[in-house]
Amino acid sequence: MEELLLKIKDFADKAHGDQMRKYTPERYIVHPERVMLICREYVTDIPVQAAALLHDVLEDTPVTSAEIEQFLTELMPQAQARKTLELVEELTDVYIKKDFPHLNRKSRKEMETTRLSKTSAAAQTIKYADLIDNAFDILKHDPQFGRKFINEARCLLKHMKNGNAELRQRAIKTLDKLS
């Protein structure tokens, strides 16, 4: 991994702090790194790879968009930093329980699916990789919830058609194989 992405990985790792993967005794950063590595098989764009490393930071840590932007602008050209941040923001769940307590999970996921279906091709590409990586761990360690996750992921893939076509097909095949 080149120096730029190593610095971004380190930033994401520090942002996630002591967080661990839900089902394994691994530091949280292993997930974003795997997502980035999956993306890298299909896309050479540095902002996509950087956003893959950062994709859960806004959602799961106290780090703000402004802090990410400040960090990125010290590392990369302004346009790349802006694109990376935009992708991270696109990938951050909006319809979360804390902000929409009156909605059940199904309603929130339907709204999130509609929102994600309108995101950029690059954001959708990262999301495909995210679904692939999460599907294995969730299904292996929590089969009951795993089935629900697989169904939600399938629904997302039906609506998110603008990302890298090969990676989308890989995600579909992965979910089919796991169900």
Protein backbone atom coordinates (compact mmCIF):
# COMPACT_ATOMS: atom_id res chain seq x y z
CA MET A 1 0.00 0.00 0.00
CA GLU A 2 1.50 3.32 -1.00
CA GLU A 3 2.48 5.89 1.59
CA LEU A 4 -0.59 8.13 1.06
CA LEU A 5 -3.03 5.29 1.69
CA LEU A 6 -1.00 4.10 4.68
CA LYS A 7 -1.39 7.56 6.24
CA ILE A 8 -5.13 7.51 5.56
CA LYS A 9 -5.41 4.00 7.00
CA ASP A 10 -3.56 5.19 10.12
CA PHE A 11 -5.94 8.17 10.44
CA ALA A 12 -8.97 5.87 10.13
CA ASP A 13 -7.48 3.39 12.60
CA LYS A 14 -6.91 6.16 15.16
CA ALA A 15 -10.43 7.51 14.52
CA HIS A 16 -11.92 4.09 15.26
CA GLY A 17 -9.78 3.91 18.40
CA ASP A 18 -10.44 0.78 20.43
CA GLN A 19 -13.39 -0.33 18.30
CA MET A 20 -13.30 -3.99 17.39
CA ARG A 21 -15.15 -5.90 14.70
CA LYS A 22 -18.49 -7.02 16.06
CA TYR A 23 -18.00 -10.73 15.53
CA THR A 24 -14.24 -11.20 15.61
CA PRO A 25 -11.38 -10.14 17.89
CA GLU A 26 -9.95 -7.90 15.17
CA ARG A 27 -9.35 -4.18 15.31
CA TYR A 28 -12.05 -2.37 13.33
CA ILE A 29 -9.61 -1.10 10.69
CA VAL A 30 -9.32 -4.58 9.16
CA HIS A 31 -12.77 -4.11 7.62
CA PRO A 32 -12.12 -0.76 5.86
CA GLU A 33 -8.75 -2.06 4.70
CA ARG A 34 -10.37 -5.17 3.16
CA VAL A 35 -13.01 -2.94 1.52
CA MET A 36 -10.22 -0.81 0.04
CA LEU A 37 -8.37 -3.89 -1.21
CA ILE A 38 -11.52 -5.20 -2.90
CA CYS A 39 -12.07 -1.79 -4.54
CA ARG A 40 -8.45 -1.69 -5.66
CA GLU A 41 -9.01 -4.85 -7.72
CA TYR A 42 -11.46 -2.86 -9.88
CA VAL A 43 -10.61 0.83 -9.51
CA THR A 44 -7.29 2.67 -9.52
CA ASP A 45 -8.77 6.01 -8.44
CA ILE A 46 -7.02 7.16 -5.25
CA PRO A 47 -10.06 9.05 -3.82
CA VAL A 48 -12.11 5.84 -4.10
CA GLN A 49 -9.47 3.81 -2.29
CA ALA A 50 -9.05 6.55 0.33
CA ALA A 51 -12.81 6.79 0.88
CA ALA A 52 -13.00 3.02 1.25
CA LEU A 53 -10.55 3.29 4.17
CA LEU A 54 -12.57 6.13 5.70
CA HIS A 55 -16.09 4.94 4.83
CA ASP A 56 -17.22 4.25 8.43
CA VAL A 57 -15.42 7.10 10.18
CA LEU A 58 -18.27 9.64 10.15
CA GLU A 59 -20.84 7.02 11.00
CA ASP A 60 -18.99 5.23 13.81
CA THR A 61 -16.63 7.76 15.40
CA PRO A 62 -16.75 11.32 16.76
CA VAL A 63 -14.55 12.56 13.89
CA THR A 64 -16.25 15.27 11.81
CA SER A 65 -16.28 16.02 8.10
CA ALA A 66 -14.22 19.15 8.79
CA GLU A 67 -11.54 17.09 10.55
CA ILE A 68 -11.38 14.60 7.68
CA GLU A 69 -11.18 17.43 5.17
CA GLN A 70 -8.39 19.16 7.06
CA PHE A 71 -6.42 15.92 7.28
CA LEU A 72 -6.92 15.07 3.61
CA THR A 73 -6.01 18.53 2.30
CA GLU A 74 -2.63 18.19 4.00
CA LEU A 75 -2.00 14.94 2.10
CA MET A 76 -3.45 15.28 -1.37
CA PRO A 77 -4.47 17.87 -3.94
CA GLN A 78 -7.61 19.82 -3.00
CA ALA A 79 -9.76 18.19 -5.71
CA GLN A 80 -8.82 14.68 -4.57
CA ALA A 81 -9.38 15.57 -0.92
CA ARG A 82 -12.81 17.01 -1.73
CA LYS A 83 -13.80 13.97 -3.80
CA THR A 84 -12.68 11.61 -1.03
CA LEU A 85 -14.70 13.48 1.58
CA GLU A 86 -17.77 13.61 -0.69
CA LEU A 87 -17.60 9.83 -1.09
CA VAL A 88 -17.31 9.29 2.66
CA GLU A 89 -20.31 11.56 3.20
CA GLU A 90 -22.32 9.72 0.53
CA LEU A 91 -21.55 6.40 2.25
CA THR A 92 -22.53 7.59 5.72
CA ASP A 93 -25.96 6.33 6.77
CA VAL A 94 -28.49 9.12 7.11
CA TYR A 95 -31.54 7.19 8.30
CA ILE A 96 -30.20 5.98 11.62
CA LYS A 97 -32.19 4.94 14.67
CA LYS A 98 -30.89 7.84 16.79
CA ASP A 99 -32.22 10.43 14.32
CA PHE A 100 -35.35 8.53 13.24
CA PRO A 101 -36.51 6.70 16.39
CA HIS A 102 -40.10 6.64 15.16
CA LEU A 103 -39.12 4.43 12.19
CA ASN A 104 -38.46 0.72 12.40
CA ARG A 105 -35.35 -0.88 10.86
CA LYS A 106 -37.21 -1.93 7.71
CA SER A 107 -38.43 1.62 7.04
CA ARG A 108 -35.02 3.12 7.71
CA LYS A 109 -33.34 0.58 5.41
CA GLU A 110 -35.86 1.28 2.63
CA MET A 111 -35.15 5.00 2.89
CA GLU A 112 -31.40 4.34 2.96
CA THR A 113 -31.73 2.13 -0.13
CA THR A 114 -33.51 4.91 -2.00
CA ARG A 115 -30.84 7.39 -0.92
CA LEU A 116 -27.94 5.10 -1.87
CA SER A 117 -29.49 4.35 -5.27
CA LYS A 118 -28.93 8.04 -6.11
CA THR A 119 -25.30 8.21 -4.98
CA SER A 120 -22.34 8.45 -7.33
CA ALA A 121 -20.95 5.46 -9.20
CA ALA A 122 -17.79 5.66 -7.09
CA ALA A 123 -19.75 5.56 -3.81
CA GLN A 124 -21.78 2.62 -5.07
CA THR A 125 -18.59 0.80 -6.01
CA ILE A 126 -17.29 1.18 -2.46
CA LYS A 127 -20.63 0.03 -1.08
CA TYR A 128 -20.47 -3.16 -3.19
CA ALA A 129 -17.10 -3.97 -1.60
CA ASP A 130 -18.49 -3.13 1.85
CA LEU A 131 -21.39 -5.53 1.36
CA ILE A 132 -19.07 -8.32 0.22
CA ASP A 133 -16.78 -7.95 3.22
CA ASN A 134 -19.56 -7.63 5.78
CA ALA A 135 -21.59 -10.54 4.42
CA PHE A 136 -18.98 -13.17 5.29
CA ASP A 137 -18.49 -12.13 8.93
CA ILE A 138 -22.14 -11.48 9.68
CA LEU A 139 -23.45 -14.70 8.20
CA LYS A 140 -20.70 -16.78 9.81
CA HIS A 141 -21.09 -15.36 13.31
CA ASP A 142 -24.80 -14.46 13.44
CA PRO A 143 -26.72 -16.65 10.95
CA GLN A 144 -30.14 -15.34 11.98
CA PHE A 145 -29.23 -11.68 11.47
CA GLY A 146 -27.03 -12.72 8.56
CA ARG A 147 -30.07 -13.82 6.56
CA LYS A 148 -31.71 -10.43 7.17
CA PHE A 149 -28.46 -8.67 6.17
CA ILE A 150 -28.22 -10.74 2.96
CA ASN A 151 -31.80 -9.79 2.04
CA GLU A 152 -31.13 -6.10 2.74
CA ALA A 153 -27.91 -6.27 0.71
CA ARG A 154 -29.73 -7.90 -2.22
CA CYS A 155 -32.30 -5.13 -2.15
CA LEU A 156 -29.51 -2.53 -2.18
CA LEU A 157 -27.85 -4.20 -5.16
CA LYS A 158 -31.15 -4.21 -7.08
CA HIS A 159 -31.30 -0.44 -6.71
CA MET A 160 -27.62 0.48 -6.85
CA LYS A 161 -26.67 -0.13 -10.48
CA ASN A 162 -24.24 2.69 -11.27
CA GLY A 163 -21.02 1.43 -9.67
CA ASN A 164 -18.38 -0.81 -11.20
CA ALA A 165 -20.37 -3.49 -13.05
CA GLU A 166 -17.86 -6.29 -12.45
CA LEU A 167 -17.73 -5.62 -8.71
CA ARG A 168 -21.52 -5.42 -8.56
CA GLN A 169 -21.72 -8.85 -10.20
CA ARG A 170 -19.18 -10.17 -7.72
CA ALA A 171 -21.32 -8.84 -4.86
CA ILE A 172 -24.45 -10.46 -6.32
CA LYS A 173 -22.63 -13.79 -6.74
CA THR A 174 -21.19 -13.57 -3.23
CA LEU A 175 -24.63 -13.04 -1.71
CA ASP A 176 -26.11 -15.83 -3.82
CA LYS A 177 -23.35 -18.20 -2.68
CA LEU A 178 -23.86 -17.30 0.98
CA SER A 179 -27.62 -17.76 0.99
